[in-house]
């Protein structure tokens, strides 16, 4: 029986949260986790570290469940108490000490104003809504027809050196408003109209049912100061801003993405992580891993686990041959990493590295797609952590351990594989990315509508081996996520809503384009350089291969093709049906 997913958010103390600590696995996740580490841990330490982090996660959940999260002083005190109590036990037991505290500078706040003028000076002087921003997820400005006085309304964005990187100017044009944007390389205008709304991050301008492209502001990569100036003192409109920084008045903002620093100090390892506990919409999928993380590919009647480059491999024994895999994750929050897989009978299971299995869905009573498919793990649109899967080309469902399956959506074009959730169209909210019944890349909005990736015409995935779908990450370091795919010509394509890039001979060092099997690729930071590499199974020799240095740029000739090797330096074979996760 499949229930209907009502998309309710898990609320703890008024804050919707879902945290997944994944030290040892390749992730492709919209939940943001940053880590700085100094460690001498061996591969054998990974499971115990994951268990410890899962234990701390549960502790943080309990703390936040009993605290008013809008009161940061109270939150910090509760986190200090938790840290002291946990460390008292773990310090004596295994020599590991923990400290958890709010990171107010990294915490996201929402500023919503129904006016644009300076609240303190009647709009006659410049004012700064926010300074020293470290990240921005939403920035929209609306201006209506009551602009007067002949003086323009101006928004100026400057970077840490004081250089202007973006301007928006609204001027009177007869009885209407015309907006001009300038990102330093292009100047674009829209209007005139009586009411103009600009999404600065998306680079769109809307008025009267029309949407035009304007210069966009990235909102990431540096710290920025944002200044408003209303020379006439009579501009009316609205502002919606979500990000981290120093706001002119914190009392007029609300915390929507609380950041918590977690520090672990042990005899052999020490590291600090910052986690963002995101509110509605609550979304996460597994994302690119540290260099000591694990990759997975099918291997006969089991799953081959690869603990990193030039590292050991081992086979996880499964009760039946995997036909489709998903990213490893602690989806049931028991402190142990599991790999989801679907077999030829349509049984959906979780399996640990020790071979312990949990049946999530019985194939005899379901219609899970088990032919050329891919699974996703995480949360989307308020769901609890789940495994997402395609229902035999017709629908998308999800299942939590110990619960009945839940229907997520029935896209008009069906579904063959689920890739994961991410803000693939840059609108500030996460979409669910999937391959439809015609093997075309698409994304699902929370209202049930779908769009192709890119919007101008979806990438047609190859499906001669498995299905060439998978791997959401910021591959080129531009601050925006994209999905990796393999098309029907065995070409690797990186795409988002605005466009796609096929990796060709002019992009690659040596002048030979990558040749991939038509099976799922994935993202993993295999060399620990902070930028994920694109992992795939080579169609030439069947071995796991990766693209490095994608951030050098398309057409640069500097993207490198490398082989993943085991501890003896030998190449590692990949399954042409399940691909790599």
Protein backbone atom coordinates (compact mmCIF):
# COMPACT_ATOMS: atom_id res chain seq x y z
CA UNK A 1 0.00 0.00 0.00
CA UNK A 2 1.34 3.46 -0.91
CA UNK A 3 0.25 6.42 1.15
CA UNK A 4 0.13 9.99 -0.11
CA UNK A 5 3.00 12.25 0.90
CA UNK A 6 1.63 15.43 2.45
CA UNK A 7 5.11 16.94 2.75
CA UNK A 8 4.92 17.73 6.45
CA UNK A 9 8.08 19.06 8.05
CA UNK A 10 9.63 17.46 11.11
CA UNK A 11 9.63 20.27 13.67
CA UNK A 12 11.88 20.23 16.69
CA UNK A 13 11.49 23.20 18.97
CA UNK A 14 10.02 25.21 16.10
CA UNK A 15 12.96 24.41 13.81
CA UNK A 16 12.74 21.92 10.96
CA UNK A 17 15.99 19.94 10.84
CA UNK A 18 17.62 16.95 9.24
CA UNK A 19 21.33 16.29 9.77
CA UNK A 20 23.41 13.52 8.22
CA UNK A 21 27.04 13.18 9.27
CA UNK A 22 28.89 11.26 6.58
CA UNK A 23 32.63 11.00 7.07
CA UNK A 24 33.29 8.03 4.85
CA UNK A 25 30.97 8.23 1.89
CA UNK A 26 30.44 10.06 -1.37
CA UNK A 27 27.64 12.52 -1.02
CA UNK A 28 25.49 14.54 -3.35
CA UNK A 29 23.51 16.59 -0.85
CA UNK A 30 21.73 19.94 -0.57
CA UNK A 31 22.22 19.98 3.17
CA UNK A 32 25.35 22.09 3.61
CA UNK A 33 28.16 20.62 5.76
CA UNK A 34 31.67 22.06 5.90
CA UNK A 35 34.61 20.42 7.60
CA UNK A 36 38.17 21.26 8.53
CA UNK A 37 40.15 18.29 9.83
CA UNK A 38 43.49 17.16 11.13
CA UNK A 39 43.38 13.39 11.36
CA UNK A 40 45.43 10.21 11.30
CA UNK A 41 42.41 7.94 11.27
CA UNK A 42 42.67 4.67 9.40
CA UNK A 43 39.87 3.17 7.34
CA UNK A 44 39.13 0.92 10.31
CA UNK A 45 38.28 3.97 12.41
CA UNK A 46 35.63 5.25 10.02
CA UNK A 47 32.68 3.21 11.32
CA UNK A 48 33.33 4.18 14.94
CA UNK A 49 33.67 7.84 13.92
CA UNK A 50 30.38 7.64 12.04
CA UNK A 51 28.70 6.08 15.06
CA UNK A 52 30.08 8.79 17.34
CA UNK A 53 28.90 11.56 15.01
CA UNK A 54 25.46 9.99 14.72
CA UNK A 55 25.29 9.85 18.50
CA UNK A 56 26.20 13.53 18.75
CA UNK A 57 23.65 14.33 16.06
CA UNK A 58 20.91 12.69 18.10
CA UNK A 59 22.07 14.63 21.13
CA UNK A 60 21.91 17.93 19.26
CA UNK A 61 18.42 17.02 18.04
CA UNK A 62 17.28 16.46 21.60
CA UNK A 63 18.81 19.74 22.74
CA UNK A 64 17.10 21.75 20.01
CA UNK A 65 13.82 19.98 20.66
CA UNK A 66 13.65 21.54 24.11
CA UNK A 67 14.95 25.04 23.39
CA UNK A 68 13.46 28.14 21.80
CA UNK A 69 15.79 28.29 18.79
CA UNK A 70 15.16 32.00 18.26
CA UNK A 71 16.93 32.63 21.57
CA UNK A 72 20.56 32.02 20.64
CA UNK A 73 21.77 32.59 24.19
CA UNK A 74 19.53 29.80 25.44
CA UNK A 75 20.57 27.55 22.56
CA UNK A 76 24.25 28.11 23.31
CA UNK A 77 23.80 27.37 27.01
CA UNK A 78 22.00 24.14 26.22
CA UNK A 79 24.70 23.15 23.74
CA UNK A 80 27.39 23.88 26.35
CA UNK A 81 25.60 21.66 28.86
CA UNK A 82 25.27 18.91 26.29
CA UNK A 83 28.96 19.21 25.32
CA UNK A 84 30.09 18.98 28.95
CA UNK A 85 27.92 15.96 29.70
CA UNK A 86 28.84 14.12 26.50
CA UNK A 87 32.56 14.82 26.93
CA UNK A 88 32.50 13.63 30.52
CA UNK A 89 31.38 10.21 29.30
CA UNK A 90 33.18 9.92 25.93
CA UNK A 91 36.39 11.44 27.28
CA UNK A 92 36.73 8.67 29.86
CA UNK A 93 35.54 5.98 27.45
CA UNK A 94 37.48 6.63 24.24
CA UNK A 95 39.29 9.90 24.83
CA UNK A 96 37.03 11.93 22.55
CA UNK A 97 35.79 15.36 23.60
CA UNK A 98 33.00 17.31 21.92
CA UNK A 99 32.09 20.98 21.87
CA UNK A 100 28.93 22.32 20.20
CA UNK A 101 28.12 26.01 19.85
CA UNK A 102 26.05 28.34 17.69
CA UNK A 103 27.92 30.05 14.88
CA UNK A 104 25.95 33.32 14.62
CA UNK A 105 28.01 34.67 11.72
CA UNK A 106 27.21 31.64 9.57
CA UNK A 107 23.57 31.34 10.64
CA UNK A 108 21.08 32.38 8.00
CA UNK A 109 18.47 35.06 8.65
CA UNK A 110 15.44 36.17 6.69
CA UNK A 111 14.70 39.86 6.15
CA UNK A 112 11.30 40.74 4.69
CA UNK A 113 10.37 44.40 4.28
CA UNK A 114 7.32 45.96 2.67
CA UNK A 115 9.23 49.20 2.08
CA UNK A 116 12.61 50.02 0.60
CA UNK A 117 13.38 53.34 2.28
CA UNK A 118 15.73 53.78 5.22
CA UNK A 119 13.77 52.95 8.40
CA UNK A 120 15.87 55.36 10.43
CA UNK A 121 16.22 58.40 8.15
CA UNK A 122 12.94 58.58 6.23
CA UNK A 123 14.68 57.28 3.13
CA UNK A 124 16.80 60.40 2.62
CA UNK A 125 20.19 58.78 3.27
CA UNK A 126 21.87 55.57 2.07
CA UNK A 127 21.42 52.60 4.37
CA UNK A 128 22.82 49.07 4.47
CA UNK A 129 20.28 46.28 4.94
CA UNK A 130 23.13 43.79 5.41
CA UNK A 131 26.93 43.83 5.37
CA UNK A 132 29.67 41.20 5.39
CA UNK A 133 27.47 38.54 3.84
CA UNK A 134 29.02 35.07 3.70
CA UNK A 135 26.20 33.42 1.75
CA UNK A 136 22.91 34.49 0.18
CA UNK A 137 20.14 32.15 -0.93
CA UNK A 138 17.35 34.65 -1.72
CA UNK A 139 17.55 38.29 -2.87
CA UNK A 140 14.50 39.81 -4.57
CA UNK A 141 13.43 43.43 -4.88
CA UNK A 142 10.10 44.78 -6.08
CA UNK A 143 9.51 48.45 -7.04
CA UNK A 144 6.07 49.85 -7.80
CA UNK A 145 4.76 52.90 -9.59
CA UNK A 146 4.88 55.39 -6.68
CA UNK A 147 8.56 56.23 -7.18
CA UNK A 148 8.73 60.00 -7.22
CA UNK A 149 10.98 63.01 -7.04
CA UNK A 150 12.89 62.22 -10.23
CA UNK A 151 15.75 60.64 -8.29
CA UNK A 152 16.58 56.98 -8.88
CA UNK A 153 16.43 54.20 -6.34
CA UNK A 154 19.80 52.42 -6.29
CA UNK A 155 21.11 49.14 -4.91
CA UNK A 156 24.89 48.82 -4.77
CA UNK A 157 26.82 45.65 -3.90
CA UNK A 158 30.49 45.97 -2.99
CA UNK A 159 33.01 43.26 -2.16
CA UNK A 160 35.53 43.07 0.68
CA UNK A 161 37.95 45.40 -1.14
CA UNK A 162 35.26 48.04 -1.61
CA UNK A 163 34.89 47.43 -5.34
CA UNK A 164 31.39 47.64 -6.79
CA UNK A 165 30.40 44.27 -8.26
CA UNK A 166 26.70 44.85 -8.94
CA UNK A 167 24.21 47.69 -9.19
CA UNK A 168 20.46 47.90 -9.69
CA UNK A 169 18.88 51.24 -10.56
CA UNK A 170 15.15 51.95 -10.73
CA UNK A 171 14.12 55.17 -12.47
CA UNK A 172 10.85 56.86 -13.35
CA UNK A 173 9.77 56.45 -16.98
CA UNK A 174 6.58 58.42 -17.45
CA UNK A 175 4.21 56.86 -14.95
CA UNK A 176 6.12 53.56 -14.92
CA UNK A 177 9.34 52.10 -13.55
CA UNK A 178 12.39 51.00 -15.56
CA UNK A 179 15.10 48.89 -13.95
CA UNK A 180 18.73 48.72 -15.09
CA UNK A 181 21.18 46.09 -13.78
CA UNK A 182 24.97 46.03 -14.13
CA UNK A 183 27.18 43.11 -13.04
CA UNK A 184 30.40 44.74 -14.26
CA UNK A 185 30.43 42.93 -17.58
CA UNK A 186 26.93 43.55 -18.92
CA UNK A 187 24.21 46.17 -18.48
CA UNK A 188 20.63 45.00 -18.96
CA UNK A 189 17.29 46.75 -18.46
CA UNK A 190 13.69 45.69 -18.11
CA UNK A 191 10.36 47.46 -18.16
CA UNK A 192 9.04 50.05 -18.12
CA UNK A 193 6.05 48.86 -16.12
CA UNK A 194 4.03 49.97 -13.13
CA UNK A 195 5.38 47.18 -10.93
CA UNK A 196 8.76 45.51 -11.52
CA UNK A 197 10.19 42.59 -9.52
CA UNK A 198 13.84 41.52 -9.84
CA UNK A 199 15.38 38.27 -8.62
CA UNK A 200 19.03 39.30 -8.39
CA UNK A 201 20.43 35.78 -7.93
CA UNK A 202 18.45 34.26 -10.80
CA UNK A 203 18.96 37.30 -13.04
CA UNK A 204 15.28 37.64 -13.93
CA UNK A 205 12.93 40.61 -14.04
CA UNK A 206 9.14 40.16 -13.99
CA UNK A 207 6.31 42.55 -14.73
CA UNK A 208 2.78 42.18 -16.04
CA UNK A 209 3.12 38.46 -16.73
CA UNK A 210 6.40 38.94 -18.63
CA UNK A 211 9.81 37.67 -17.47
CA UNK A 212 13.06 38.99 -18.93
CA UNK A 213 16.71 38.22 -18.27
CA UNK A 214 18.82 40.83 -16.50
CA UNK A 215 22.33 40.84 -15.07
CA UNK A 216 22.60 38.46 -12.12
CA UNK A 217 24.48 38.63 -8.83
CA UNK A 218 26.14 35.38 -7.71
CA UNK A 219 25.77 35.99 -3.96
CA UNK A 220 28.66 33.64 -3.16
CA UNK A 221 32.43 33.43 -3.32
CA UNK A 222 33.16 36.62 -1.35
CA UNK A 223 31.80 38.77 1.46
CA UNK A 224 29.58 41.62 0.31
CA UNK A 225 28.08 44.87 1.59
CA UNK A 226 24.67 45.87 0.25
CA UNK A 227 23.60 49.53 0.20
CA UNK A 228 20.22 51.06 -0.66
CA UNK A 229 19.86 54.72 -1.63
CA UNK A 230 16.52 56.41 -2.29
CA UNK A 231 17.33 59.92 -3.40
CA UNK A 232 13.70 60.96 -3.58
CA UNK A 233 12.71 59.36 -0.32
CA UNK A 234 9.49 58.04 -1.82
CA UNK A 235 10.29 54.69 -3.39
CA UNK A 236 7.81 52.01 -2.48
CA UNK A 237 8.30 48.31 -2.95
CA UNK A 238 9.44 45.22 -1.09
CA UNK A 239 12.58 43.28 -0.20
CA UNK A 240 13.08 39.59 0.51
CA UNK A 241 16.56 38.54 1.60
CA UNK A 242 17.82 35.27 3.09
CA UNK A 243 21.48 34.86 3.97
CA UNK A 244 24.20 35.22 6.57
CA UNK A 245 25.79 38.53 7.49
CA UNK A 246 25.53 41.61 9.70
CA UNK A 247 21.99 42.97 9.44
CA UNK A 248 21.10 46.58 10.20
CA UNK A 249 18.61 45.36 12.80
CA UNK A 250 18.54 41.73 13.90
CA UNK A 251 15.19 42.30 15.61
CA UNK A 252 13.58 42.70 12.18
CA UNK A 253 14.98 39.36 10.98
CA UNK A 254 14.24 35.76 11.85
CA UNK A 255 16.67 32.83 12.05
CA UNK A 256 15.84 30.40 9.24
CA UNK A 257 19.06 28.39 8.99
CA UNK A 258 20.85 27.99 12.31
CA UNK A 259 24.56 27.14 12.07
CA UNK A 260 26.19 25.01 14.77
CA UNK A 261 29.92 24.36 15.07
CA UNK A 262 30.82 20.85 16.24
CA UNK A 263 34.39 20.20 17.35
CA UNK A 264 35.70 16.66 17.97
CA UNK A 265 39.05 16.23 19.75
CA UNK A 266 40.47 12.74 20.19
CA UNK A 267 43.77 10.93 20.61
CA UNK A 268 44.22 10.39 16.87
CA UNK A 269 41.90 12.89 15.24
CA UNK A 270 40.56 16.39 15.65
CA UNK A 271 38.22 18.31 13.41
CA UNK A 272 35.50 20.93 13.37
CA UNK A 273 32.31 20.82 11.37
CA UNK A 274 29.76 23.52 10.78
CA UNK A 275 26.27 22.21 10.13
CA UNK A 276 23.30 24.27 8.98
CA UNK A 277 19.97 23.13 10.39
CA UNK A 278 17.71 24.21 7.58
CA UNK A 279 14.07 25.18 7.93
CA UNK A 280 11.25 24.80 5.39
CA UNK A 281 11.80 23.63 2.71
CA UNK A 282 13.81 20.82 4.30
CA UNK A 283 15.86 18.94 1.75
CA UNK A 284 18.97 16.81 1.63
CA UNK A 285 20.56 14.13 -0.47
CA UNK A 286 23.90 12.42 -0.19
CA UNK A 287 26.83 14.72 -1.53
CA UNK A 288 30.53 14.73 -2.43
CA UNK A 289 32.80 13.13 0.15
CA UNK A 290 36.23 13.68 1.66
CA UNK A 291 39.16 11.93 0.02
CA UNK A 292 38.99 8.99 2.45
CA UNK A 293 35.34 8.38 1.58
CA UNK A 294 33.94 5.24 0.02
CA UNK A 295 32.53 4.59 -3.43
CA UNK A 296 30.26 1.72 -4.38
CA UNK A 297 29.59 -0.24 -7.56
CA UNK A 298 27.85 -3.53 -8.30
CA UNK A 299 29.99 -6.66 -8.19
CA UNK A 300 28.23 -9.87 -9.25
CA UNK A 301 26.05 -10.90 -6.35
CA UNK A 302 27.36 -8.16 -4.09
CA UNK A 303 28.57 -4.55 -3.89
CA UNK A 304 32.20 -3.52 -4.27
CA UNK A 305 33.21 -0.98 -1.59
CA UNK A 306 36.15 1.28 -2.47
CA UNK A 307 37.51 3.20 0.49
CA UNK A 308 39.33 5.84 -1.55
CA UNK A 309 41.94 6.33 -4.23
CA UNK A 310 44.96 4.01 -3.88
CA UNK A 311 43.08 2.29 -1.07
CA UNK A 312 41.68 -1.11 -0.21
CA UNK A 313 38.55 -2.58 -1.76
CA UNK A 314 36.18 -5.14 -0.30
CA UNK A 315 33.00 -6.88 -1.38
CA UNK A 316 29.78 -6.47 0.59
CA UNK A 317 27.81 -9.70 0.30
CA UNK A 318 24.15 -9.19 -0.56
CA UNK A 319 21.30 -11.67 -0.57
CA UNK A 320 20.72 -11.08 -4.30
CA UNK A 321 22.35 -9.25 -7.18
CA UNK A 322 21.94 -5.45 -7.05
CA UNK A 323 20.29 -3.96 -10.14
CA UNK A 324 20.32 -0.36 -8.93
CA UNK A 325 22.20 1.48 -6.15
CA UNK A 326 21.84 4.67 -4.16
CA UNK A 327 24.35 6.74 -2.17
CA UNK A 328 25.45 5.31 1.17
CA UNK A 329 23.96 7.01 4.19
CA UNK A 330 22.85 6.44 7.75
CA UNK A 331 19.23 6.74 6.65
CA UNK A 332 17.85 5.02 9.77
CA UNK A 333 20.02 7.08 12.17
CA UNK A 334 21.40 4.01 13.94
CA UNK A 335 25.01 5.13 13.66
CA UNK A 336 25.87 2.67 10.87
CA UNK A 337 26.29 3.49 7.19
CA UNK A 338 24.05 1.52 4.81
CA UNK A 339 23.93 1.23 1.03
CA UNK A 340 20.44 1.03 -0.52
CA UNK A 341 19.93 -1.33 -3.44
CA UNK A 342 17.12 -2.87 -5.46
CA UNK A 343 17.41 -6.41 -6.81
CA UNK A 344 15.90 -8.25 -9.76
CA UNK A 345 12.78 -9.15 -7.78
CA UNK A 346 12.11 -5.53 -6.90
CA UNK A 347 13.10 -5.93 -3.26
CA UNK A 348 14.50 -2.68 -1.85
CA UNK A 349 17.06 -3.21 0.91
CA UNK A 350 19.68 -1.49 3.01
CA UNK A 351 22.97 -3.32 3.54
CA UNK A 352 25.86 -2.45 5.88
CA UNK A 353 29.54 -3.05 5.16
CA UNK A 354 29.22 -6.21 7.28
CA UNK A 355 26.46 -7.56 5.05
CA UNK A 356 23.60 -7.00 7.51
CA UNK A 357 20.43 -6.28 5.52
CA UNK A 358 17.14 -4.50 6.19
CA UNK A 359 14.19 -5.04 3.84
CA UNK A 360 12.48 -1.72 3.14
CA UNK A 361 10.02 -2.76 0.42
CA UNK A 362 8.99 -6.29 -0.59
CA UNK A 363 9.13 -6.59 -4.36
CA UNK A 364 6.25 -9.08 -4.42
CA UNK A 365 3.83 -6.38 -3.26
CA UNK A 366 5.35 -3.38 -5.04
CA UNK A 367 6.27 -2.21 -8.50
CA UNK A 368 9.72 -0.74 -7.92
CA UNK A 369 11.67 -0.11 -11.12
CA UNK A 370 14.55 -2.59 -11.02
CA UNK A 371 15.82 -2.27 -14.59
CA UNK A 372 18.30 0.48 -15.43
CA UNK A 373 17.52 2.68 -12.46
CA UNK A 374 19.07 4.67 -9.63
CA UNK A 375 18.03 5.39 -6.03
CA UNK A 376 18.37 8.61 -4.01
CA UNK A 377 18.71 9.05 -0.26
CA UNK A 378 17.80 12.03 1.90
CA UNK A 379 14.82 14.31 2.43
CA UNK A 380 12.79 16.57 0.19
CA UNK A 381 9.84 18.95 0.65
CA UNK A 382 9.57 18.29 4.37
CA UNK A 383 9.92 14.50 4.34
CA UNK A 384 11.81 12.48 6.91
CA UNK A 385 15.06 10.81 5.76
CA UNK A 386 14.05 8.25 3.13
CA UNK A 387 15.13 6.22 0.14
CA UNK A 388 13.54 7.65 -3.02
CA UNK A 389 12.84 5.36 -5.98
CA UNK A 390 10.99 5.10 -9.29
CA UNK A 391 7.83 3.02 -9.51
CA UNK A 392 8.22 1.04 -12.74
CA UNK A 393 8.39 4.17 -14.98
CA UNK A 394 5.17 5.75 -13.68
CA UNK A 395 5.74 7.46 -10.33
CA UNK A 396 8.22 8.49 -7.65
CA UNK A 397 7.90 7.11 -4.12
CA UNK A 398 9.95 7.11 -0.97
CA UNK A 399 10.21 4.84 2.05
CA UNK A 400 11.54 5.28 5.57
CA UNK A 401 12.95 2.30 7.48
CA UNK A 402 10.09 0.58 9.31
CA UNK A 403 7.38 2.53 7.49
CA UNK A 404 5.12 1.99 4.48
CA UNK A 405 6.08 3.50 1.12
CA UNK A 406 4.78 7.01 0.40
CA UNK A 407 3.81 8.35 -3.02
CA UNK A 408 5.79 11.52 -3.78
CA UNK A 409 4.57 12.39 -7.28
CA UNK A 410 3.22 10.99 -10.53
CA UNK A 411 5.00 13.01 -13.22
CA UNK A 412 3.27 13.19 -16.61
CA UNK A 413 6.32 11.64 -18.27
CA UNK A 414 6.79 8.96 -15.62
CA UNK A 415 10.07 8.16 -13.90
CA UNK A 416 12.94 5.71 -14.41
CA UNK A 417 15.41 6.87 -11.77
CA UNK A 418 15.68 9.36 -8.90
CA UNK A 419 18.91 11.35 -8.64
CA UNK A 420 18.41 13.61 -5.60
CA UNK A 421 17.37 17.06 -4.48
CA UNK A 422 19.13 20.36 -5.06
CA UNK A 423 18.40 23.94 -6.09
CA UNK A 424 18.96 23.03 -9.73
CA UNK A 425 17.18 26.13 -11.12
CA UNK A 426 18.64 28.71 -8.71
CA UNK A 427 15.32 29.87 -7.27
CA UNK A 428 16.36 29.40 -3.65
CA UNK A 429 14.41 26.18 -3.03
CA UNK A 430 15.29 22.58 -3.73
CA UNK A 431 13.84 20.54 -6.56
CA UNK A 432 13.80 16.74 -6.86
CA UNK A 433 15.91 15.70 -9.84
CA UNK A 434 14.96 12.54 -11.73
CA UNK A 435 15.05 10.74 -15.07
CA UNK A 436 11.61 10.45 -16.65
CA UNK A 437 10.08 7.47 -18.43
CA UNK A 438 11.72 8.58 -21.68
CA UNK A 439 15.16 8.81 -20.01
CA UNK A 440 15.14 12.61 -20.06
CA UNK A 441 16.58 14.70 -17.21
CA UNK A 442 13.87 16.57 -15.30
CA UNK A 443 13.20 18.17 -11.95
CA UNK A 444 10.08 18.19 -9.80
CA UNK A 445 8.85 21.31 -8.03
CA UNK A 446 7.03 21.03 -4.71
CA UNK A 447 3.75 21.94 -6.45
CA UNK A 448 4.00 18.80 -8.61
CA UNK A 449 5.03 20.55 -11.83
CA UNK A 450 8.11 19.41 -13.75
CA UNK A 451 10.69 21.01 -16.01
CA UNK A 452 13.41 19.54 -18.21
CA UNK A 453 17.12 19.96 -17.47
CA UNK A 454 18.01 22.26 -19.09
CA UNK A 455 14.72 24.12 -19.48
CA UNK A 456 15.44 24.64 -23.17
CA UNK A 457 15.30 20.88 -23.76
CA UNK A 458 16.23 18.04 -21.45
CA UNK A 459 19.38 15.93 -21.74
CA UNK A 460 18.50 12.54 -23.23
CA UNK A 461 20.21 9.91 -21.10
CA UNK A 462 21.87 6.80 -22.44
CA UNK A 463 20.35 3.51 -21.27
CA UNK A 464 22.11 0.72 -23.14
CA UNK A 465 23.87 -0.52 -19.97
CA UNK A 466 22.13 1.05 -17.01
CA UNK A 467 20.87 4.62 -17.08
CA UNK A 468 23.25 7.58 -17.31
CA UNK A 469 21.74 9.56 -14.44
CA UNK A 470 23.35 10.79 -11.28
CA UNK A 471 25.75 12.94 -9.37
CA UNK A 472 24.61 16.39 -8.15
CA UNK A 473 27.45 18.70 -7.14
CA UNK A 474 29.20 22.00 -7.87
CA UNK A 475 31.66 20.47 -10.32
CA UNK A 476 33.21 23.65 -11.71
CA UNK A 477 33.43 25.66 -8.48
CA UNK A 478 31.06 28.43 -9.59
CA UNK A 479 28.87 28.15 -6.49
CA UNK A 480 25.98 26.52 -8.36
CA UNK A 481 25.06 22.84 -8.40
CA UNK A 482 24.55 20.79 -11.55
CA UNK A 483 23.77 17.19 -12.39
CA UNK A 484 26.16 14.88 -14.22
CA UNK A 485 24.81 12.54 -16.87
CA UNK A 486 25.85 10.20 -19.66
CA UNK A 487 23.96 10.63 -22.93
CA UNK A 488 23.19 8.14 -25.67
CA UNK A 489 26.55 8.78 -27.32
CA UNK A 490 28.49 7.85 -24.17
CA UNK A 491 29.34 11.53 -23.63
CA UNK A 492 29.50 13.06 -20.16
CA UNK A 493 27.18 16.03 -19.79
CA UNK A 494 26.97 18.50 -16.88
CA UNK A 495 23.63 20.32 -16.79
CA UNK A 496 21.39 22.59 -14.78
CA UNK A 497 18.16 24.41 -15.57
CA UNK A 498 19.91 27.13 -17.58
CA UNK A 499 22.08 24.99 -19.86
CA UNK A 500 24.43 22.06 -20.30
CA UNK A 501 28.03 21.31 -21.20
CA UNK A 502 29.21 18.14 -22.94
CA UNK A 503 32.81 17.32 -22.04
CA UNK A 504 34.57 17.10 -25.39
CA UNK A 505 38.08 16.77 -26.73
CA UNK A 506 38.77 20.52 -26.50
CA UNK A 507 38.01 20.42 -22.78
CA UNK A 508 40.42 17.63 -21.92
CA UNK A 509 44.17 17.53 -21.41
CA UNK A 510 45.42 15.27 -24.20
CA UNK A 511 42.54 16.05 -26.52
CA UNK A 512 40.57 12.81 -26.07
CA UNK A 513 36.99 13.12 -24.82
CA UNK A 514 35.84 10.81 -22.01
CA UNK A 515 33.95 7.69 -23.11
CA UNK A 516 31.55 6.53 -20.37
CA UNK A 517 29.25 3.56 -20.02
CA UNK A 518 25.58 4.53 -20.02
CA UNK A 519 25.24 4.07 -16.27
CA UNK A 520 25.07 6.39 -13.24
CA UNK A 521 28.09 8.64 -12.59
CA UNK A 522 28.61 10.29 -9.22
CA UNK A 523 30.53 13.06 -7.43
CA UNK A 524 33.35 12.54 -4.93
CA UNK A 525 36.19 14.76 -3.76
CA UNK A 526 38.65 11.95 -4.30
CA UNK A 527 41.77 14.13 -4.04
CA UNK A 528 40.57 16.31 -1.14
CA UNK A 529 40.98 19.59 -3.03
CA UNK A 530 37.58 20.93 -1.99
CA UNK A 531 36.06 20.45 -5.45
CA UNK A 532 34.30 17.18 -6.33
CA UNK A 533 35.57 15.03 -9.15
CA UNK A 534 33.17 13.32 -11.56
CA UNK A 535 33.35 9.53 -11.20
CA UNK A 536 32.13 7.16 -13.93
CA UNK A 537 32.65 3.71 -15.43
CA UNK A 538 34.77 3.85 -18.58
CA UNK A 539 33.22 2.42 -21.73
CA UNK A 540 36.73 1.79 -23.06
CA UNK A 541 38.10 -0.55 -20.39
CA UNK A 542 35.27 -0.96 -17.85
CA UNK A 543 37.28 0.61 -15.02
CA UNK A 544 36.20 3.39 -12.66
CA UNK A 545 37.52 6.66 -14.05
CA UNK A 546 37.21 10.28 -12.99
CA UNK A 547 37.40 13.78 -14.40
CA UNK A 548 39.65 16.07 -12.38
CA UNK A 549 40.19 19.82 -12.57
CA UNK A 550 36.77 20.55 -14.09
CA UNK A 551 36.95 23.95 -12.40
CA UNK A 552 39.69 24.90 -14.89
CA UNK A 553 36.85 25.60 -17.29
CA UNK A 554 35.16 24.13 -20.31
CA UNK A 555 37.26 24.59 -23.43
CA UNK A 556 40.41 25.08 -21.35
CA UNK A 557 42.01 21.79 -22.35
CA UNK A 558 42.95 21.31 -18.69
CA UNK A 559 40.36 18.78 -17.50
CA UNK A 560 42.20 15.56 -16.69
CA UNK A 561 41.02 11.97 -17.07
CA UNK A 562 42.37 9.70 -14.33
CA UNK A 563 41.86 6.11 -13.19
CA UNK A 564 40.79 5.12 -9.70
CA UNK A 565 43.22 2.54 -8.36
CA UNK A 566 43.36 0.12 -5.46
CA UNK A 567 46.07 -0.19 -2.81
CA UNK A 568 48.29 -2.08 -5.28
CA UNK A 569 47.93 0.64 -7.91
CA UNK A 570 45.70 -1.48 -10.14
CA UNK A 571 42.60 -0.04 -11.83
CA UNK A 572 39.25 -0.89 -10.23
CA UNK A 573 36.49 -2.36 -12.39
CA UNK A 574 33.02 -0.81 -12.29
CA UNK A 575 29.61 -2.32 -12.95
CA UNK A 576 28.22 -1.01 -16.29
CA UNK A 577 24.66 -1.39 -14.99
CA UNK A 578 24.73 0.13 -11.49
CA UNK A 579 27.48 2.62 -12.28
CA UNK A 580 29.15 4.35 -9.32
CA UNK A 581 27.60 5.86 -6.17
